[in-house]
Amino acid sequence: MSIVEPNVLELLDHADSRYTLVVEASKRGRQLVAGAQPLIDEKDMKPLGIAVEEIDRGLVTYEKADYDKSDD
């Protein structure tokens, strides 16, 4: 995996925006640094690279919070 693979546009199939994609990847990367088990064979990859690959393969997903505006 290089810095340009997978392509950001390909990764956006798994997130609704670039911001969400960055947050999702950084959260997963921090989990890996904290000791979480990788969902792929990491092959000497750095935590963020593993997180991006997991997202690309659809192994890591997110759930968007649905805030009820009437509670404000």
PDB file of N, CA and C in Angstrom:
ATOM      1  N   MET A   1       0.849  -1.181   0.000  1.00  0.00           N
ATOM      2  CA  MET A   1       0.000   0.000   0.000  1.00  0.00           C
ATOM      3  C   MET A   1       0.889   1.236   0.000  1.00  0.00           C
ATOM      4  N   SER A   2       0.591   2.149  -0.857  1.00  0.00           N
ATOM      5  CA  SER A   2       1.318   3.414  -0.872  1.00  0.00           C
ATOM      6  C   SER A   2       0.400   4.520  -0.386  1.00  0.00           C
ATOM      7  N   ILE A   3       0.936   5.721  -0.348  1.00  0.00           N
ATOM      8  CA  ILE A   3       0.142   6.852   0.137  1.00  0.00           C
ATOM      9  C   ILE A   3      -1.026   7.156  -0.807  1.00  0.00           C
ATOM     10  N   VAL A   4      -0.944   6.734  -2.055  1.00  0.00           N
ATOM     11  CA  VAL A   4      -2.017   7.022  -3.011  1.00  0.00           C
ATOM     12  C   VAL A   4      -2.924   5.826  -3.261  1.00  0.00           C
ATOM     13  N   GLU A   5      -2.637   4.709  -2.609  1.00  0.00           N
ATOM     14  CA  GLU A   5      -3.498   3.538  -2.750  1.00  0.00           C
ATOM     15  C   GLU A   5      -3.950   3.085  -1.378  1.00  0.00           C
ATOM     16  N   PRO A   6      -5.155   2.873  -1.124  1.00  0.00           N
ATOM     17  CA  PRO A   6      -6.287   3.107  -2.016  1.00  0.00           C
ATOM     18  C   PRO A   6      -6.546   4.593  -2.206  1.00  0.00           C
ATOM     19  N   ASN A   7      -7.109   4.903  -3.333  1.00  0.00           N
ATOM     20  CA  ASN A   7      -7.429   6.276  -3.701  1.00  0.00           C
ATOM     21  C   ASN A   7      -8.493   6.832  -2.746  1.00  0.00           C
ATOM     22  N   VAL A   8      -8.394   8.103  -2.435  1.00  0.00           N
ATOM     23  CA  VAL A   8      -9.363   8.742  -1.537  1.00  0.00           C
ATOM     24  C   VAL A   8     -10.774   8.599  -2.086  1.00  0.00           C
ATOM     25  N   LEU A   9     -10.935   8.710  -3.387  1.00  0.00           N
ATOM     26  CA  LEU A   9     -12.272   8.574  -3.972  1.00  0.00           C
ATOM     27  C   LEU A   9     -12.831   7.177  -3.760  1.00  0.00           C
ATOM     28  N   GLU A  10     -11.966   6.160  -3.783  1.00  0.00           N
ATOM     29  CA  GLU A  10     -12.415   4.798  -3.502  1.00  0.00           C
ATOM     30  C   GLU A  10     -12.829   4.669  -2.032  1.00  0.00           C
ATOM     31  N   LEU A  11     -12.058   5.295  -1.165  1.00  0.00           N
ATOM     32  CA  LEU A  11     -12.371   5.227   0.259  1.00  0.00           C
ATOM     33  C   LEU A  11     -13.668   5.956   0.597  1.00  0.00           C
ATOM     34  N   LEU A  12     -14.011   6.965  -0.193  1.00  0.00           N
ATOM     35  CA  LEU A  12     -15.240   7.708   0.073  1.00  0.00           C
ATOM     36  C   LEU A  12     -16.499   6.863  -0.153  1.00  0.00           C
ATOM     37  N   ASP A  13     -16.329   5.681  -0.783  1.00  0.00           N
ATOM     38  CA  ASP A  13     -17.457   4.752  -0.888  1.00  0.00           C
ATOM     39  C   ASP A  13     -17.853   4.223   0.486  1.00  0.00           C
ATOM     40  N   HIS A  14     -16.935   4.350   1.455  1.00  0.00           N
ATOM     41  CA  HIS A  14     -17.161   3.826   2.803  1.00  0.00           C
ATOM     42  C   HIS A  14     -17.461   4.911   3.823  1.00  0.00           C
ATOM     43  N   ALA A  15     -17.549   6.152   3.391  1.00  0.00           N
ATOM     44  CA  ALA A  15     -17.822   7.271   4.306  1.00  0.00           C
ATOM     45  C   ALA A  15     -18.606   8.337   3.559  1.00  0.00           C
ATOM     46  N   ASP A  16     -19.309   9.180   4.301  1.00  0.00           N
ATOM     47  CA  ASP A  16     -20.136  10.192   3.648  1.00  0.00           C
ATOM     48  C   ASP A  16     -19.387  11.483   3.331  1.00  0.00           C
ATOM     49  N   SER A  17     -18.163  11.644   3.878  1.00  0.00           N
ATOM     50  CA  SER A  17     -17.366  12.832   3.584  1.00  0.00           C
ATOM     51  C   SER A  17     -15.904  12.544   3.883  1.00  0.00           C
ATOM     52  N   ARG A  18     -15.038  13.398   3.400  1.00  0.00           N
ATOM     53  CA  ARG A  18     -13.605  13.243   3.689  1.00  0.00           C
ATOM     54  C   ARG A  18     -13.343  13.419   5.180  1.00  0.00           C
ATOM     55  N   TYR A  19     -14.062  14.324   5.794  1.00  0.00           N
ATOM     56  CA  TYR A  19     -13.903  14.546   7.237  1.00  0.00           C
ATOM     57  C   TYR A  19     -14.220  13.262   8.002  1.00  0.00           C
ATOM     58  N   THR A  20     -15.332  12.634   7.682  1.00  0.00           N
ATOM     59  CA  THR A  20     -15.719  11.389   8.347  1.00  0.00           C
ATOM     60  C   THR A  20     -14.669  10.315   8.123  1.00  0.00           C
ATOM     61  N   LEU A  21     -14.152  10.250   6.919  1.00  0.00           N
ATOM     62  CA  LEU A  21     -13.120   9.276   6.592  1.00  0.00           C
ATOM     63  C   LEU A  21     -11.868   9.491   7.441  1.00  0.00           C
ATOM     64  N   VAL A  22     -11.452  10.726   7.588  1.00  0.00           N
ATOM     65  CA  VAL A  22     -10.268  11.036   8.397  1.00  0.00           C
ATOM     66  C   VAL A  22     -10.508  10.680   9.862  1.00  0.00           C
ATOM     67  N   VAL A  23     -11.665  11.036  10.375  1.00  0.00           N
ATOM     68  CA  VAL A  23     -11.985  10.736  11.779  1.00  0.00           C
ATOM     69  C   VAL A  23     -12.032   9.226  11.985  1.00  0.00           C
ATOM     70  N   GLU A  24     -12.675   8.520  11.061  1.00  0.00           N
ATOM     71  CA  GLU A  24     -12.787   7.067  11.161  1.00  0.00           C
ATOM     72  C   GLU A  24     -11.397   6.408  11.144  1.00  0.00           C
ATOM     73  N   ALA A  25     -10.542   6.839  10.244  1.00  0.00           N
ATOM     74  CA  ALA A  25      -9.195   6.260  10.138  1.00  0.00           C
ATOM     75  C   ALA A  25      -8.351   6.605  11.364  1.00  0.00           C
ATOM     76  N   SER A  26      -8.444   7.833  11.838  1.00  0.00           N
ATOM     77  CA  SER A  26      -7.622   8.216  12.989  1.00  0.00           C
ATOM     78  C   SER A  26      -8.074   7.506  14.262  1.00  0.00           C
ATOM     79  N   LYS A  27      -9.382   7.338  14.442  1.00  0.00           N
ATOM     80  CA  LYS A  27      -9.882   6.622  15.618  1.00  0.00           C
ATOM     81  C   LYS A  27      -9.409   5.172  15.594  1.00  0.00           C
ATOM     82  N   ARG A  28      -9.503   4.544  14.429  1.00  0.00           N
ATOM     83  CA  ARG A  28      -9.071   3.140  14.316  1.00  0.00           C
ATOM     84  C   ARG A  28      -7.560   3.036  14.515  1.00  0.00           C
ATOM     85  N   GLY A  29      -6.813   3.979  13.973  1.00  0.00           N
ATOM     86  CA  GLY A  29      -5.368   3.981  14.163  1.00  0.00           C
ATOM     87  C   GLY A  29      -4.995   4.086  15.628  1.00  0.00           C
ATOM     88  N   ARG A  30      -5.687   4.944  16.369  1.00  0.00           N
ATOM     89  CA  ARG A  30      -5.430   5.073  17.812  1.00  0.00           C
ATOM     90  C   ARG A  30      -5.790   3.791  18.559  1.00  0.00           C
ATOM     91  N   GLN A  31      -6.861   3.129  18.129  1.00  0.00           N
ATOM     92  CA  GLN A  31      -7.221   1.854  18.750  1.00  0.00           C
ATOM     93  C   GLN A  31      -6.107   0.828  18.555  1.00  0.00           C
ATOM     94  N   LEU A  32      -5.538   0.801  17.358  1.00  0.00           N
ATOM     95  CA  LEU A  32      -4.459  -0.140  17.064  1.00  0.00           C
ATOM     96  C   LEU A  32      -3.216   0.169  17.898  1.00  0.00           C
ATOM     97  N   VAL A  33      -2.890   1.450  18.028  1.00  0.00           N
ATOM     98  CA  VAL A  33      -1.740   1.848  18.855  1.00  0.00           C
ATOM     99  C   VAL A  33      -1.972   1.442  20.304  1.00  0.00           C
ATOM    100  N   ALA A  34      -3.214   1.523  20.766  1.00  0.00           N
ATOM    101  CA  ALA A  34      -3.548   1.182  22.150  1.00  0.00           C
ATOM    102  C   ALA A  34      -3.594  -0.328  22.386  1.00  0.00           C
ATOM    103  N   GLY A  35      -3.422  -1.129  21.323  1.00  0.00           N
ATOM    104  CA  GLY A  35      -3.365  -2.573  21.509  1.00  0.00           C
ATOM    105  C   GLY A  35      -4.466  -3.380  20.864  1.00  0.00           C
ATOM    106  N   ALA A  36      -5.389  -2.739  20.155  1.00  0.00           N
ATOM    107  CA  ALA A  36      -6.450  -3.487  19.468  1.00  0.00           C
ATOM    108  C   ALA A  36      -5.827  -4.389  18.401  1.00  0.00           C
ATOM    109  N   GLN A  37      -6.436  -5.535  18.185  1.00  0.00           N
ATOM    110  CA  GLN A  37      -5.927  -6.476  17.194  1.00  0.00           C
ATOM    111  C   GLN A  37      -6.314  -6.034  15.778  1.00  0.00           C
ATOM    112  N   PRO A  38      -5.366  -6.034  14.854  1.00  0.00           N
ATOM    113  CA  PRO A  38      -5.687  -5.693  13.465  1.00  0.00           C
ATOM    114  C   PRO A  38      -6.623  -6.736  12.861  1.00  0.00           C
ATOM    115  N   LEU A  39      -7.477  -6.291  11.963  1.00  0.00           N
ATOM    116  CA  LEU A  39      -8.421  -7.188  11.295  1.00  0.00           C
ATOM    117  C   LEU A  39      -7.841  -7.752   9.999  1.00  0.00           C
ATOM    118  N   ILE A  40      -6.625  -7.345   9.661  1.00  0.00           N
ATOM    119  CA  ILE A  40      -5.943  -7.830   8.468  1.00  0.00           C
ATOM    120  C   ILE A  40      -4.540  -8.263   8.860  1.00  0.00           C
ATOM    121  N   ASP A  41      -3.853  -8.953   7.943  1.00  0.00           N
ATOM    122  CA  ASP A  41      -2.445  -9.278   8.140  1.00  0.00           C
ATOM    123  C   ASP A  41      -1.655  -8.022   7.830  1.00  0.00           C
ATOM    124  N   GLU A  42      -1.061  -7.427   8.857  1.00  0.00           N
ATOM    125  CA  GLU A  42      -0.506  -6.079   8.716  1.00  0.00           C
ATOM    126  C   GLU A  42       0.772  -5.969   7.894  1.00  0.00           C
ATOM    127  N   LYS A  43       1.542  -7.008   7.757  1.00  0.00           N
ATOM    128  CA  LYS A  43       2.751  -6.990   6.913  1.00  0.00           C
ATOM    129  C   LYS A  43       3.628  -5.763   7.156  1.00  0.00           C
ATOM    130  N   ASP A  44       4.017  -5.518   8.379  1.00  0.00           N
ATOM    131  CA  ASP A  44       4.891  -4.389   8.727  1.00  0.00           C
ATOM    132  C   ASP A  44       4.312  -3.036   8.359  1.00  0.00           C
ATOM    133  N   MET A  45       3.001  -2.899   8.399  1.00  0.00           N
ATOM    134  CA  MET A  45       2.349  -1.627   8.095  1.00  0.00           C
ATOM    135  C   MET A  45       2.218  -0.812   9.378  1.00  0.00           C
ATOM    136  N   LYS A  46       2.178   0.481   9.223  1.00  0.00           N
ATOM    137  CA  LYS A  46       1.957   1.375  10.357  1.00  0.00           C
ATOM    138  C   LYS A  46       0.467   1.365  10.710  1.00  0.00           C
ATOM    139  N   PRO A  47       0.123   1.766  11.945  1.00  0.00           N
ATOM    140  CA  PRO A  47      -1.281   1.705  12.381  1.00  0.00           C
ATOM    141  C   PRO A  47      -2.254   2.443  11.457  1.00  0.00           C
ATOM    142  N   LEU A  48      -1.889   3.615  10.974  1.00  0.00           N
ATOM    143  CA  LEU A  48      -2.806   4.340  10.102  1.00  0.00           C
ATOM    144  C   LEU A  48      -2.996   3.617   8.775  1.00  0.00           C
ATOM    145  N   GLY A  49      -1.936   3.028   8.253  1.00  0.00           N
ATOM    146  CA  GLY A  49      -2.041   2.252   7.018  1.00  0.00           C
ATOM    147  C   GLY A  49      -2.945   1.049   7.187  1.00  0.00           C
ATOM    148  N   ILE A  50      -2.839   0.392   8.337  1.00  0.00           N
ATOM    149  CA  ILE A  50      -3.714  -0.737   8.638  1.00  0.00           C
ATOM    150  C   ILE A  50      -5.161  -0.258   8.707  1.00  0.00           C
ATOM    151  N   ALA A  51      -5.392   0.863   9.384  1.00  0.00           N
ATOM    152  CA  ALA A  51      -6.744   1.405   9.523  1.00  0.00           C
ATOM    153  C   ALA A  51      -7.347   1.727   8.156  1.00  0.00           C
ATOM    154  N   VAL A  52      -6.564   2.358   7.290  1.00  0.00           N
ATOM    155  CA  VAL A  52      -7.065   2.710   5.955  1.00  0.00           C
ATOM    156  C   VAL A  52      -7.391   1.450   5.160  1.00  0.00           C
ATOM    157  N   GLU A  53      -6.529   0.443   5.249  1.00  0.00           N
ATOM    158  CA  GLU A  53      -6.783  -0.812   4.535  1.00  0.00           C
ATOM    159  C   GLU A  53      -8.027  -1.506   5.071  1.00  0.00           C
ATOM    160  N   GLU A  54      -8.211  -1.481   6.384  1.00  0.00           N
ATOM    161  CA  GLU A  54      -9.418  -2.073   6.972  1.00  0.00           C
ATOM    162  C   GLU A  54     -10.672  -1.351   6.491  1.00  0.00           C
ATOM    163  N   ILE A  55     -10.610  -0.043   6.409  1.00  0.00           N
ATOM    164  CA  ILE A  55     -11.751   0.730   5.913  1.00  0.00           C
ATOM    165  C   ILE A  55     -12.020   0.382   4.457  1.00  0.00           C
ATOM    166  N   ASP A  56     -10.965   0.308   3.662  1.00  0.00           N
ATOM    167  CA  ASP A  56     -11.112  -0.007   2.242  1.00  0.00           C
ATOM    168  C   ASP A  56     -11.749  -1.375   2.029  1.00  0.00           C
ATOM    169  N   ARG A  57     -11.414  -2.320   2.870  1.00  0.00           N
ATOM    170  CA  ARG A  57     -11.980  -3.673   2.749  1.00  0.00           C
ATOM    171  C   ARG A  57     -13.376  -3.787   3.371  1.00  0.00           C
ATOM    172  N   GLY A  58     -13.845  -2.731   4.015  1.00  0.00           N
ATOM    173  CA  GLY A  58     -15.167  -2.752   4.623  1.00  0.00           C
ATOM    174  C   GLY A  58     -15.206  -3.455   5.965  1.00  0.00           C
ATOM    175  N   LEU A  59     -14.040  -3.644   6.579  1.00  0.00           N
ATOM    176  CA  LEU A  59     -13.980  -4.323   7.873  1.00  0.00           C
ATOM    177  C   LEU A  59     -14.256  -3.387   9.040  1.00  0.00           C
ATOM    178  N   VAL A  60     -14.077  -2.090   8.815  1.00  0.00           N
ATOM    179  CA  VAL A  60     -14.329  -1.078   9.838  1.00  0.00           C
ATOM    180  C   VAL A  60     -15.389  -0.136   9.297  1.00  0.00           C
ATOM    181  N   THR A  61     -16.444   0.048  10.050  1.00  0.00           N
ATOM    182  CA  THR A  61     -17.523   0.936   9.628  1.00  0.00           C
ATOM    183  C   THR A  61     -17.819   1.922  10.756  1.00  0.00           C
ATOM    184  N   TYR A  62     -18.673   2.846  10.477  1.00  0.00           N
ATOM    185  CA  TYR A  62     -19.076   3.815  11.496  1.00  0.00           C
ATOM    186  C   TYR A  62     -20.583   3.959  11.443  1.00  0.00           C
ATOM    187  N   GLU A  63     -21.121   4.466  12.510  1.00  0.00           N
ATOM    188  CA  GLU A  63     -22.547   4.755  12.567  1.00  0.00           C
ATOM    189  C   GLU A  63     -22.703   6.227  12.884  1.00  0.00           C
ATOM    190  N   LYS A  64     -23.362   6.930  12.022  1.00  0.00           N
ATOM    191  CA  LYS A  64     -23.540   8.359  12.210  1.00  0.00           C
ATOM    192  C   LYS A  64     -24.591   8.595  13.293  1.00  0.00           C
ATOM    193  N   ALA A  65     -24.252   9.438  14.242  1.00  0.00           N
ATOM    194  CA  ALA A  65     -25.171   9.745  15.335  1.00  0.00           C
ATOM    195  C   ALA A  65     -26.354  10.541  14.795  1.00  0.00           C
ATOM    196  N   ASP A  66     -27.531  10.195  15.251  1.00  0.00           N
ATOM    197  CA  ASP A  66     -28.739  10.889  14.832  1.00  0.00           C
ATOM    198  C   ASP A  66     -29.225  11.716  16.019  1.00  0.00           C
ATOM    199  N   TYR A  67     -28.868  12.990  16.004  1.00  0.00           N
ATOM    200  CA  TYR A  67     -29.248  13.871  17.095  1.00  0.00           C
ATOM    201  C   TYR A  67     -30.647  14.417  16.863  1.00  0.00           C
ATOM    202  N   ASP A  68     -31.468  14.330  17.881  1.00  0.00           N
ATOM    203  CA  ASP A  68     -32.819  14.856  17.800  1.00  0.00           C
ATOM    204  C   ASP A  68     -32.770  16.336  18.166  1.00  0.00           C
ATOM    205  N   LYS A  69     -33.072  17.192  17.238  1.00  0.00           N
ATOM    206  CA  LYS A  69     -32.961  18.648  17.459  1.00  0.00           C
ATOM    207  C   LYS A  69     -34.017  19.171  18.413  1.00  0.00           C
ATOM    208  N   SER A  70     -35.058  18.412  18.699  1.00  0.00           N
ATOM    209  CA  SER A  70     -36.089  18.882  19.607  1.00  0.00           C
ATOM    210  C   SER A  70     -35.620  18.850  21.077  1.00  0.00           C
ATOM    211  N   ASP A  71     -34.503  18.131  21.345  1.00  0.00           N
ATOM    212  CA  ASP A  71     -33.980  18.068  22.709  1.00  0.00           C
ATOM    213  C   ASP A  71     -33.187  19.319  23.082  1.00  0.00           C
ATOM    214  N   ASP A  72     -32.893  20.194  22.144  1.00  0.00           N
ATOM    215  CA  ASP A  72     -32.083  21.390  22.412  1.00  0.00           C
ATOM    216  C   ASP A  72     -32.822  22.426  23.190  1.00  0.00           C
TER     217      ASP A  72
END
